């Protein structure tokens, strides 16, 4: 939280998001300007389940993203909730 401007508070989570993205596996890379693309709700029913350790990491990171979406990035809420 930044209180440097009188009567205003600026909330950012840049460091939190940087730490979160540093935890991502190397094969999980990419970027997008809008997480809600047309293929967001497409599900591959034949995809193999993640190994337990990878699934736990995935759930851990999605939980952190839910926190980000609630606090500062409402634009990613639908995509993260779907995950």
PDB file of N, CA and C in Angstrom:
ATOM      1  N   UNK A   1       0.839  -1.168   0.000  1.00  0.00           N
ATOM      2  CA  UNK A   1       0.000   0.000   0.000  1.00  0.00           C
ATOM      3  C   UNK A   1       0.888   1.235   0.000  1.00  0.00           C
ATOM      4  N   UNK A   2       0.527   2.180  -0.827  1.00  0.00           N
ATOM      5  CA  UNK A   2       1.303   3.408  -0.976  1.00  0.00           C
ATOM      6  C   UNK A   2       0.440   4.584  -0.531  1.00  0.00           C
ATOM      7  N   UNK A   3       0.865   5.243   0.533  1.00  0.00           N
ATOM      8  CA  UNK A   3       0.139   6.396   1.072  1.00  0.00           C
ATOM      9  C   UNK A   3       0.853   7.709   0.750  1.00  0.00           C
ATOM     10  N   UNK A   4       1.699   7.739  -0.259  1.00  0.00           N
ATOM     11  CA  UNK A   4       2.525   8.916  -0.538  1.00  0.00           C
ATOM     12  C   UNK A   4       1.730  10.121  -1.036  1.00  0.00           C
ATOM     13  N   UNK A   5       0.548   9.934  -1.614  1.00  0.00           N
ATOM     14  CA  UNK A   5      -0.293  11.040  -2.059  1.00  0.00           C
ATOM     15  C   UNK A   5      -1.328  11.316  -0.969  1.00  0.00           C
ATOM     16  N   UNK A   6      -1.369  12.543  -0.508  1.00  0.00           N
ATOM     17  CA  UNK A   6      -2.270  12.926   0.579  1.00  0.00           C
ATOM     18  C   UNK A   6      -3.732  12.617   0.223  1.00  0.00           C
ATOM     19  N   UNK A   7      -4.406  11.880   1.097  1.00  0.00           N
ATOM     20  CA  UNK A   7      -5.814  11.562   0.897  1.00  0.00           C
ATOM     21  C   UNK A   7      -6.076  10.395  -0.037  1.00  0.00           C
ATOM     22  N   UNK A   8      -5.023   9.733  -0.509  1.00  0.00           N
ATOM     23  CA  UNK A   8      -5.194   8.603  -1.423  1.00  0.00           C
ATOM     24  C   UNK A   8      -4.318   7.440  -0.989  1.00  0.00           C
ATOM     25  N   UNK A   9      -4.761   6.259  -1.349  1.00  0.00           N
ATOM     26  CA  UNK A   9      -3.958   5.056  -1.128  1.00  0.00           C
ATOM     27  C   UNK A   9      -3.911   4.285  -2.444  1.00  0.00           C
ATOM     28  N   UNK A  10      -2.725   3.853  -2.802  1.00  0.00           N
ATOM     29  CA  UNK A  10      -2.538   3.066  -4.018  1.00  0.00           C
ATOM     30  C   UNK A  10      -2.183   1.646  -3.595  1.00  0.00           C
ATOM     31  N   UNK A  11      -2.968   0.695  -4.087  1.00  0.00           N
ATOM     32  CA  UNK A  11      -2.746  -0.702  -3.742  1.00  0.00           C
ATOM     33  C   UNK A  11      -2.201  -1.424  -4.965  1.00  0.00           C
ATOM     34  N   UNK A  12      -1.092  -2.093  -4.798  1.00  0.00           N
ATOM     35  CA  UNK A  12      -0.540  -2.884  -5.893  1.00  0.00           C
ATOM     36  C   UNK A  12      -0.035  -4.204  -5.334  1.00  0.00           C
ATOM     37  N   UNK A  13       0.044  -5.166  -6.204  1.00  0.00           N
ATOM     38  CA  UNK A  13       0.515  -6.489  -5.808  1.00  0.00           C
ATOM     39  C   UNK A  13       1.632  -6.946  -6.736  1.00  0.00           C
ATOM     40  N   UNK A  14       2.407  -6.011  -7.239  1.00  0.00           N
ATOM     41  CA  UNK A  14       3.454  -6.361  -8.197  1.00  0.00           C
ATOM     42  C   UNK A  14       4.425  -7.396  -7.650  1.00  0.00           C
ATOM     43  N   UNK A  15       4.919  -7.190  -6.435  1.00  0.00           N
ATOM     44  CA  UNK A  15       5.889  -8.127  -5.865  1.00  0.00           C
ATOM     45  C   UNK A  15       5.258  -9.496  -5.626  1.00  0.00           C
ATOM     46  N   UNK A  16       4.022  -9.507  -5.169  1.00  0.00           N
ATOM     47  CA  UNK A  16       3.309 -10.758  -4.929  1.00  0.00           C
ATOM     48  C   UNK A  16       3.146 -11.529  -6.241  1.00  0.00           C
ATOM     49  N   UNK A  17       2.757 -10.822  -7.298  1.00  0.00           N
ATOM     50  CA  UNK A  17       2.560 -11.462  -8.605  1.00  0.00           C
ATOM     51  C   UNK A  17       3.892 -11.936  -9.182  1.00  0.00           C
ATOM     52  N   UNK A  18       4.945 -11.147  -9.017  1.00  0.00           N
ATOM     53  CA  UNK A  18       6.268 -11.570  -9.495  1.00  0.00           C
ATOM     54  C   UNK A  18       6.717 -12.843  -8.786  1.00  0.00           C
ATOM     55  N   UNK A  19       6.499 -12.909  -7.472  1.00  0.00           N
ATOM     56  CA  UNK A  19       6.864 -14.113  -6.718  1.00  0.00           C
ATOM     57  C   UNK A  19       6.030 -15.300  -7.186  1.00  0.00           C
ATOM     58  N   UNK A  20       4.744 -15.068  -7.389  1.00  0.00           N
ATOM     59  CA  UNK A  20       3.844 -16.122  -7.861  1.00  0.00           C
ATOM     60  C   UNK A  20       4.317 -16.666  -9.211  1.00  0.00           C
ATOM     61  N   UNK A  21       4.616 -15.784 -10.139  1.00  0.00           N
ATOM     62  CA  UNK A  21       5.036 -16.243 -11.469  1.00  0.00           C
ATOM     63  C   UNK A  21       6.400 -16.915 -11.433  1.00  0.00           C
ATOM     64  N   UNK A  22       7.231 -16.574 -10.455  1.00  0.00           N
ATOM     65  CA  UNK A  22       8.530 -17.247 -10.348  1.00  0.00           C
ATOM     66  C   UNK A  22       8.366 -18.695  -9.887  1.00  0.00           C
ATOM     67  N   UNK A  23       7.225 -19.035  -9.289  1.00  0.00           N
ATOM     68  CA  UNK A  23       6.955 -20.401  -8.842  1.00  0.00           C
ATOM     69  C   UNK A  23       6.436 -21.297  -9.971  1.00  0.00           C
ATOM     70  N   UNK A  24       6.073 -20.708 -11.098  1.00  0.00           N
ATOM     71  CA  UNK A  24       5.527 -21.488 -12.204  1.00  0.00           C
ATOM     72  C   UNK A  24       6.576 -22.420 -12.789  1.00  0.00           C
ATOM     73  N   UNK A  25       6.174 -23.621 -13.164  1.00  0.00           N
ATOM     74  CA  UNK A  25       7.112 -24.523 -13.843  1.00  0.00           C
ATOM     75  C   UNK A  25       7.543 -23.925 -15.188  1.00  0.00           C
ATOM     76  N   UNK A  26       8.700 -24.320 -15.665  1.00  0.00           N
ATOM     77  CA  UNK A  26       9.234 -23.747 -16.904  1.00  0.00           C
ATOM     78  C   UNK A  26       8.356 -24.053 -18.109  1.00  0.00           C
ATOM     79  N   UNK A  27       7.590 -25.154 -18.069  1.00  0.00           N
ATOM     80  CA  UNK A  27       6.752 -25.482 -19.212  1.00  0.00           C
ATOM     81  C   UNK A  27       5.407 -24.738 -19.192  1.00  0.00           C
ATOM     82  N   UNK A  28       5.216 -23.921 -18.196  1.00  0.00           N
ATOM     83  CA  UNK A  28       3.974 -23.158 -18.095  1.00  0.00           C
ATOM     84  C   UNK A  28       4.297 -21.685 -18.370  1.00  0.00           C
ATOM     85  N   UNK A  29       4.581 -21.396 -19.616  1.00  0.00           N
ATOM     86  CA  UNK A  29       4.936 -20.027 -19.961  1.00  0.00           C
ATOM     87  C   UNK A  29       3.965 -19.488 -20.996  1.00  0.00           C
ATOM     88  N   UNK A  30       3.966 -18.198 -21.157  1.00  0.00           N
ATOM     89  CA  UNK A  30       3.085 -17.556 -22.118  1.00  0.00           C
ATOM     90  C   UNK A  30       2.493 -16.294 -21.512  1.00  0.00           C
ATOM     91  N   UNK A  31       1.800 -15.566 -22.325  1.00  0.00           N
ATOM     92  CA  UNK A  31       1.173 -14.343 -21.830  1.00  0.00           C
ATOM     93  C   UNK A  31      -0.044 -14.034 -22.680  1.00  0.00           C
ATOM     94  N   UNK A  32      -0.883 -13.194 -22.138  1.00  0.00           N
ATOM     95  CA  UNK A  32      -2.074 -12.746 -22.843  1.00  0.00           C
ATOM     96  C   UNK A  32      -2.490 -11.405 -22.270  1.00  0.00           C
ATOM     97  N   UNK A  33      -3.104 -10.589 -23.080  1.00  0.00           N
ATOM     98  CA  UNK A  33      -3.621  -9.316 -22.587  1.00  0.00           C
ATOM     99  C   UNK A  33      -4.970  -9.506 -21.922  1.00  0.00           C
ATOM    100  N   UNK A  34      -5.702 -10.538 -22.352  1.00  0.00           N
ATOM    101  CA  UNK A  34      -7.028 -10.802 -21.819  1.00  0.00           C
ATOM    102  C   UNK A  34      -7.163 -12.294 -21.549  1.00  0.00           C
ATOM    103  N   UNK A  35      -7.287 -12.697 -20.282  1.00  0.00           N
ATOM    104  CA  UNK A  35      -7.381 -14.131 -19.989  1.00  0.00           C
ATOM    105  C   UNK A  35      -8.700 -14.751 -20.434  1.00  0.00           C
ATOM    106  N   UNK A  36      -9.701 -13.953 -20.729  1.00  0.00           N
ATOM    107  CA  UNK A  36     -11.015 -14.471 -21.116  1.00  0.00           C
ATOM    108  C   UNK A  36     -11.170 -14.616 -22.613  1.00  0.00           C
ATOM    109  N   UNK A  37     -10.320 -15.418 -23.235  1.00  0.00           N
ATOM    110  CA  UNK A  37     -10.400 -15.609 -24.682  1.00  0.00           C
ATOM    111  C   UNK A  37     -11.510 -16.585 -25.033  1.00  0.00           C
ATOM    112  N   UNK A  38     -11.769 -16.734 -26.307  1.00  0.00           N
ATOM    113  CA  UNK A  38     -12.886 -17.561 -26.764  1.00  0.00           C
ATOM    114  C   UNK A  38     -12.734 -19.040 -26.399  1.00  0.00           C
ATOM    115  N   UNK A  39     -11.527 -19.497 -26.129  1.00  0.00           N
ATOM    116  CA  UNK A  39     -11.334 -20.909 -25.789  1.00  0.00           C
ATOM    117  C   UNK A  39     -11.278 -21.153 -24.273  1.00  0.00           C
ATOM    118  N   UNK A  40     -11.623 -20.149 -23.492  1.00  0.00           N
ATOM    119  CA  UNK A  40     -11.505 -20.250 -22.039  1.00  0.00           C
ATOM    120  C   UNK A  40     -12.231 -21.458 -21.462  1.00  0.00           C
ATOM    121  N   UNK A  41     -13.465 -21.711 -21.893  1.00  0.00           N
ATOM    122  CA  UNK A  41     -14.260 -22.774 -21.290  1.00  0.00           C
ATOM    123  C   UNK A  41     -14.197 -24.101 -22.047  1.00  0.00           C
ATOM    124  N   UNK A  42     -13.285 -24.214 -23.011  1.00  0.00           N
ATOM    125  CA  UNK A  42     -13.094 -25.485 -23.705  1.00  0.00           C
ATOM    126  C   UNK A  42     -12.349 -26.450 -22.791  1.00  0.00           C
ATOM    127  N   UNK A  43     -12.875 -27.641 -22.648  1.00  0.00           N
ATOM    128  CA  UNK A  43     -12.272 -28.650 -21.774  1.00  0.00           C
ATOM    129  C   UNK A  43     -11.913 -29.869 -22.613  1.00  0.00           C
ATOM    130  N   UNK A  44     -10.701 -30.327 -22.463  1.00  0.00           N
ATOM    131  CA  UNK A  44     -10.252 -31.543 -23.137  1.00  0.00           C
ATOM    132  C   UNK A  44     -10.554 -32.723 -22.209  1.00  0.00           C
ATOM    133  N   UNK A  45     -11.635 -33.423 -22.487  1.00  0.00           N
ATOM    134  CA  UNK A  45     -12.063 -34.524 -21.627  1.00  0.00           C
ATOM    135  C   UNK A  45     -11.121 -35.723 -21.689  1.00  0.00           C
ATOM    136  N   UNK A  46     -10.240 -35.758 -22.678  1.00  0.00           N
ATOM    137  CA  UNK A  46      -9.300 -36.870 -22.822  1.00  0.00           C
ATOM    138  C   UNK A  46      -7.922 -36.556 -22.262  1.00  0.00           C
ATOM    139  N   UNK A  47      -7.762 -35.390 -21.665  1.00  0.00           N
ATOM    140  CA  UNK A  47      -6.465 -35.015 -21.101  1.00  0.00           C
ATOM    141  C   UNK A  47      -6.146 -35.889 -19.895  1.00  0.00           C
ATOM    142  N   UNK A  48      -4.863 -36.208 -19.725  1.00  0.00           N
ATOM    143  CA  UNK A  48      -4.444 -37.011 -18.579  1.00  0.00           C
ATOM    144  C   UNK A  48      -4.429 -36.126 -17.335  1.00  0.00           C
ATOM    145  N   UNK A  49      -4.731 -36.724 -16.185  1.00  0.00           N
ATOM    146  CA  UNK A  49      -4.670 -36.000 -14.926  1.00  0.00           C
ATOM    147  C   UNK A  49      -3.229 -35.633 -14.616  1.00  0.00           C
ATOM    148  N   UNK A  50      -3.059 -34.522 -13.939  1.00  0.00           N
ATOM    149  CA  UNK A  50      -1.722 -34.111 -13.518  1.00  0.00           C
ATOM    150  C   UNK A  50      -1.221 -35.041 -12.427  1.00  0.00           C
ATOM    151  N   UNK A  51       0.091 -35.249 -12.373  1.00  0.00           N
ATOM    152  CA  UNK A  51       0.643 -35.992 -11.237  1.00  0.00           C
ATOM    153  C   UNK A  51       0.323 -35.241  -9.937  1.00  0.00           C
ATOM    154  N   UNK A  52       0.264 -35.962  -8.829  1.00  0.00           N
ATOM    155  CA  UNK A  52      -0.166 -35.369  -7.563  1.00  0.00           C
ATOM    156  C   UNK A  52       0.619 -34.106  -7.189  1.00  0.00           C
ATOM    157  N   UNK A  53       1.935 -34.142  -7.309  1.00  0.00           N
ATOM    158  CA  UNK A  53       2.750 -32.979  -6.931  1.00  0.00           C
ATOM    159  C   UNK A  53       2.445 -31.782  -7.824  1.00  0.00           C
ATOM    160  N   UNK A  54       2.285 -32.022  -9.121  1.00  0.00           N
ATOM    161  CA  UNK A  54       1.971 -30.941 -10.057  1.00  0.00           C
ATOM    162  C   UNK A  54       0.573 -30.401  -9.799  1.00  0.00           C
ATOM    163  N   UNK A  55      -0.370 -31.277  -9.488  1.00  0.00           N
ATOM    164  CA  UNK A  55      -1.740 -30.851  -9.182  1.00  0.00           C
ATOM    165  C   UNK A  55      -1.761 -29.991  -7.930  1.00  0.00           C
ATOM    166  N   UNK A  56      -0.976 -30.354  -6.929  1.00  0.00           N
ATOM    167  CA  UNK A  56      -0.912 -29.554  -5.702  1.00  0.00           C
ATOM    168  C   UNK A  56      -0.330 -28.174  -5.984  1.00  0.00           C
ATOM    169  N   UNK A  57       0.721 -28.108  -6.801  1.00  0.00           N
ATOM    170  CA  UNK A  57       1.301 -26.820  -7.168  1.00  0.00           C
ATOM    171  C   UNK A  57       0.283 -25.990  -7.942  1.00  0.00           C
ATOM    172  N   UNK A  58      -0.417 -26.621  -8.880  1.00  0.00           N
ATOM    173  CA  UNK A  58      -1.442 -25.935  -9.665  1.00  0.00           C
ATOM    174  C   UNK A  58      -2.505 -25.329  -8.743  1.00  0.00           C
ATOM    175  N   UNK A  59      -3.021 -26.104  -7.807  1.00  0.00           N
ATOM    176  CA  UNK A  59      -4.037 -25.600  -6.890  1.00  0.00           C
ATOM    177  C   UNK A  59      -3.491 -24.490  -6.002  1.00  0.00           C
ATOM    178  N   UNK A  60      -2.254 -24.625  -5.582  1.00  0.00           N
ATOM    179  CA  UNK A  60      -1.600 -23.596  -4.766  1.00  0.00           C
ATOM    180  C   UNK A  60      -1.528 -22.265  -5.531  1.00  0.00           C
ATOM    181  N   UNK A  61      -1.113 -22.336  -6.789  1.00  0.00           N
ATOM    182  CA  UNK A  61      -0.976 -21.117  -7.587  1.00  0.00           C
ATOM    183  C   UNK A  61      -2.339 -20.518  -7.946  1.00  0.00           C
ATOM    184  N   UNK A  62      -3.325 -21.352  -8.235  1.00  0.00           N
ATOM    185  CA  UNK A  62      -4.664 -20.843  -8.533  1.00  0.00           C
ATOM    186  C   UNK A  62      -5.241 -20.130  -7.306  1.00  0.00           C
ATOM    187  N   UNK A  63      -4.997 -20.677  -6.119  1.00  0.00           N
ATOM    188  CA  UNK A  63      -5.455 -20.025  -4.890  1.00  0.00           C
ATOM    189  C   UNK A  63      -4.830 -18.641  -4.754  1.00  0.00           C
ATOM    190  N   UNK A  64      -3.551 -18.535  -5.053  1.00  0.00           N
ATOM    191  CA  UNK A  64      -2.890 -17.230  -5.004  1.00  0.00           C
ATOM    192  C   UNK A  64      -3.490 -16.281  -6.041  1.00  0.00           C
ATOM    193  N   UNK A  65      -3.782 -16.805  -7.226  1.00  0.00           N
ATOM    194  CA  UNK A  65      -4.397 -15.970  -8.265  1.00  0.00           C
ATOM    195  C   UNK A  65      -5.803 -15.524  -7.862  1.00  0.00           C
ATOM    196  N   UNK A  66      -6.541 -16.368  -7.153  1.00  0.00           N
ATOM    197  CA  UNK A  66      -7.862 -15.957  -6.648  1.00  0.00           C
ATOM    198  C   UNK A  66      -7.717 -14.769  -5.703  1.00  0.00           C
ATOM    199  N   UNK A  67      -6.683 -14.800  -4.876  1.00  0.00           N
ATOM    200  CA  UNK A  67      -6.418 -13.675  -3.969  1.00  0.00           C
ATOM    201  C   UNK A  67      -6.112 -12.403  -4.773  1.00  0.00           C
ATOM    202  N   UNK A  68      -5.288 -12.531  -5.791  1.00  0.00           N
ATOM    203  CA  UNK A  68      -4.964 -11.384  -6.650  1.00  0.00           C
ATOM    204  C   UNK A  68      -6.232 -10.852  -7.325  1.00  0.00           C
ATOM    205  N   UNK A  69      -7.064 -11.776  -7.841  1.00  0.00           N
ATOM    206  CA  UNK A  69      -8.270 -11.351  -8.557  1.00  0.00           C
ATOM    207  C   UNK A  69      -9.257 -10.646  -7.627  1.00  0.00           C
ATOM    208  N   UNK A  70      -9.243 -11.023  -6.380  1.00  0.00           N
ATOM    209  CA  UNK A  70     -10.155 -10.395  -5.413  1.00  0.00           C
ATOM    210  C   UNK A  70      -9.659  -9.010  -4.994  1.00  0.00           C
ATOM    211  N   UNK A  71      -8.353  -8.870  -4.856  1.00  0.00           N
ATOM    212  CA  UNK A  71      -7.796  -7.618  -4.329  1.00  0.00           C
ATOM    213  C   UNK A  71      -7.564  -6.542  -5.385  1.00  0.00           C
ATOM    214  N   UNK A  72      -6.960  -6.919  -6.505  1.00  0.00           N
ATOM    215  CA  UNK A  72      -6.532  -5.875  -7.449  1.00  0.00           C
ATOM    216  C   UNK A  72      -6.826  -6.155  -8.911  1.00  0.00           C
ATOM    217  N   UNK A  73      -7.080  -7.383  -9.283  1.00  0.00           N
ATOM    218  CA  UNK A  73      -7.240  -7.714 -10.703  1.00  0.00           C
ATOM    219  C   UNK A  73      -8.569  -8.402 -10.966  1.00  0.00           C
ATOM    220  N   UNK A  74      -9.648  -7.663 -10.810  1.00  0.00           N
ATOM    221  CA  UNK A  74     -10.972  -8.232 -11.033  1.00  0.00           C
ATOM    222  C   UNK A  74     -11.151  -8.740 -12.457  1.00  0.00           C
ATOM    223  N   UNK A  75     -10.365  -8.246 -13.394  1.00  0.00           N
ATOM    224  CA  UNK A  75     -10.486  -8.661 -14.793  1.00  0.00           C
ATOM    225  C   UNK A  75     -10.097 -10.121 -15.022  1.00  0.00           C
ATOM    226  N   UNK A  76      -9.375 -10.738 -14.098  1.00  0.00           N
ATOM    227  CA  UNK A  76      -8.981 -12.137 -14.280  1.00  0.00           C
ATOM    228  C   UNK A  76      -9.851 -13.095 -13.471  1.00  0.00           C
ATOM    229  N   UNK A  77     -10.824 -12.576 -12.752  1.00  0.00           N
ATOM    230  CA  UNK A  77     -11.620 -13.390 -11.824  1.00  0.00           C
ATOM    231  C   UNK A  77     -12.324 -14.568 -12.505  1.00  0.00           C
ATOM    232  N   UNK A  78     -12.975 -14.345 -13.645  1.00  0.00           N
ATOM    233  CA  UNK A  78     -13.700 -15.427 -14.325  1.00  0.00           C
ATOM    234  C   UNK A  78     -12.752 -16.533 -14.760  1.00  0.00           C
ATOM    235  N   UNK A  79     -11.639 -16.154 -15.378  1.00  0.00           N
ATOM    236  CA  UNK A  79     -10.680 -17.155 -15.855  1.00  0.00           C
ATOM    237  C   UNK A  79     -10.090 -17.942 -14.696  1.00  0.00           C
ATOM    238  N   UNK A  80      -9.725 -17.271 -13.631  1.00  0.00           N
ATOM    239  CA  UNK A  80      -9.119 -17.953 -12.485  1.00  0.00           C
ATOM    240  C   UNK A  80     -10.148 -18.843 -11.793  1.00  0.00           C
ATOM    241  N   UNK A  81     -11.362 -18.365 -11.646  1.00  0.00           N
ATOM    242  CA  UNK A  81     -12.418 -19.178 -11.023  1.00  0.00           C
ATOM    243  C   UNK A  81     -12.662 -20.447 -11.833  1.00  0.00           C
ATOM    244  N   UNK A  82     -12.587 -20.361 -13.153  1.00  0.00           N
ATOM    245  CA  UNK A  82     -12.774 -21.546 -13.992  1.00  0.00           C
ATOM    246  C   UNK A  82     -11.670 -22.569 -13.745  1.00  0.00           C
ATOM    247  N   UNK A  83     -10.438 -22.067 -13.556  1.00  0.00           N
ATOM    248  CA  UNK A  83      -9.327 -22.979 -13.286  1.00  0.00           C
ATOM    249  C   UNK A  83      -9.549 -23.727 -11.997  1.00  0.00           C
TER     250      UNK A  83
END
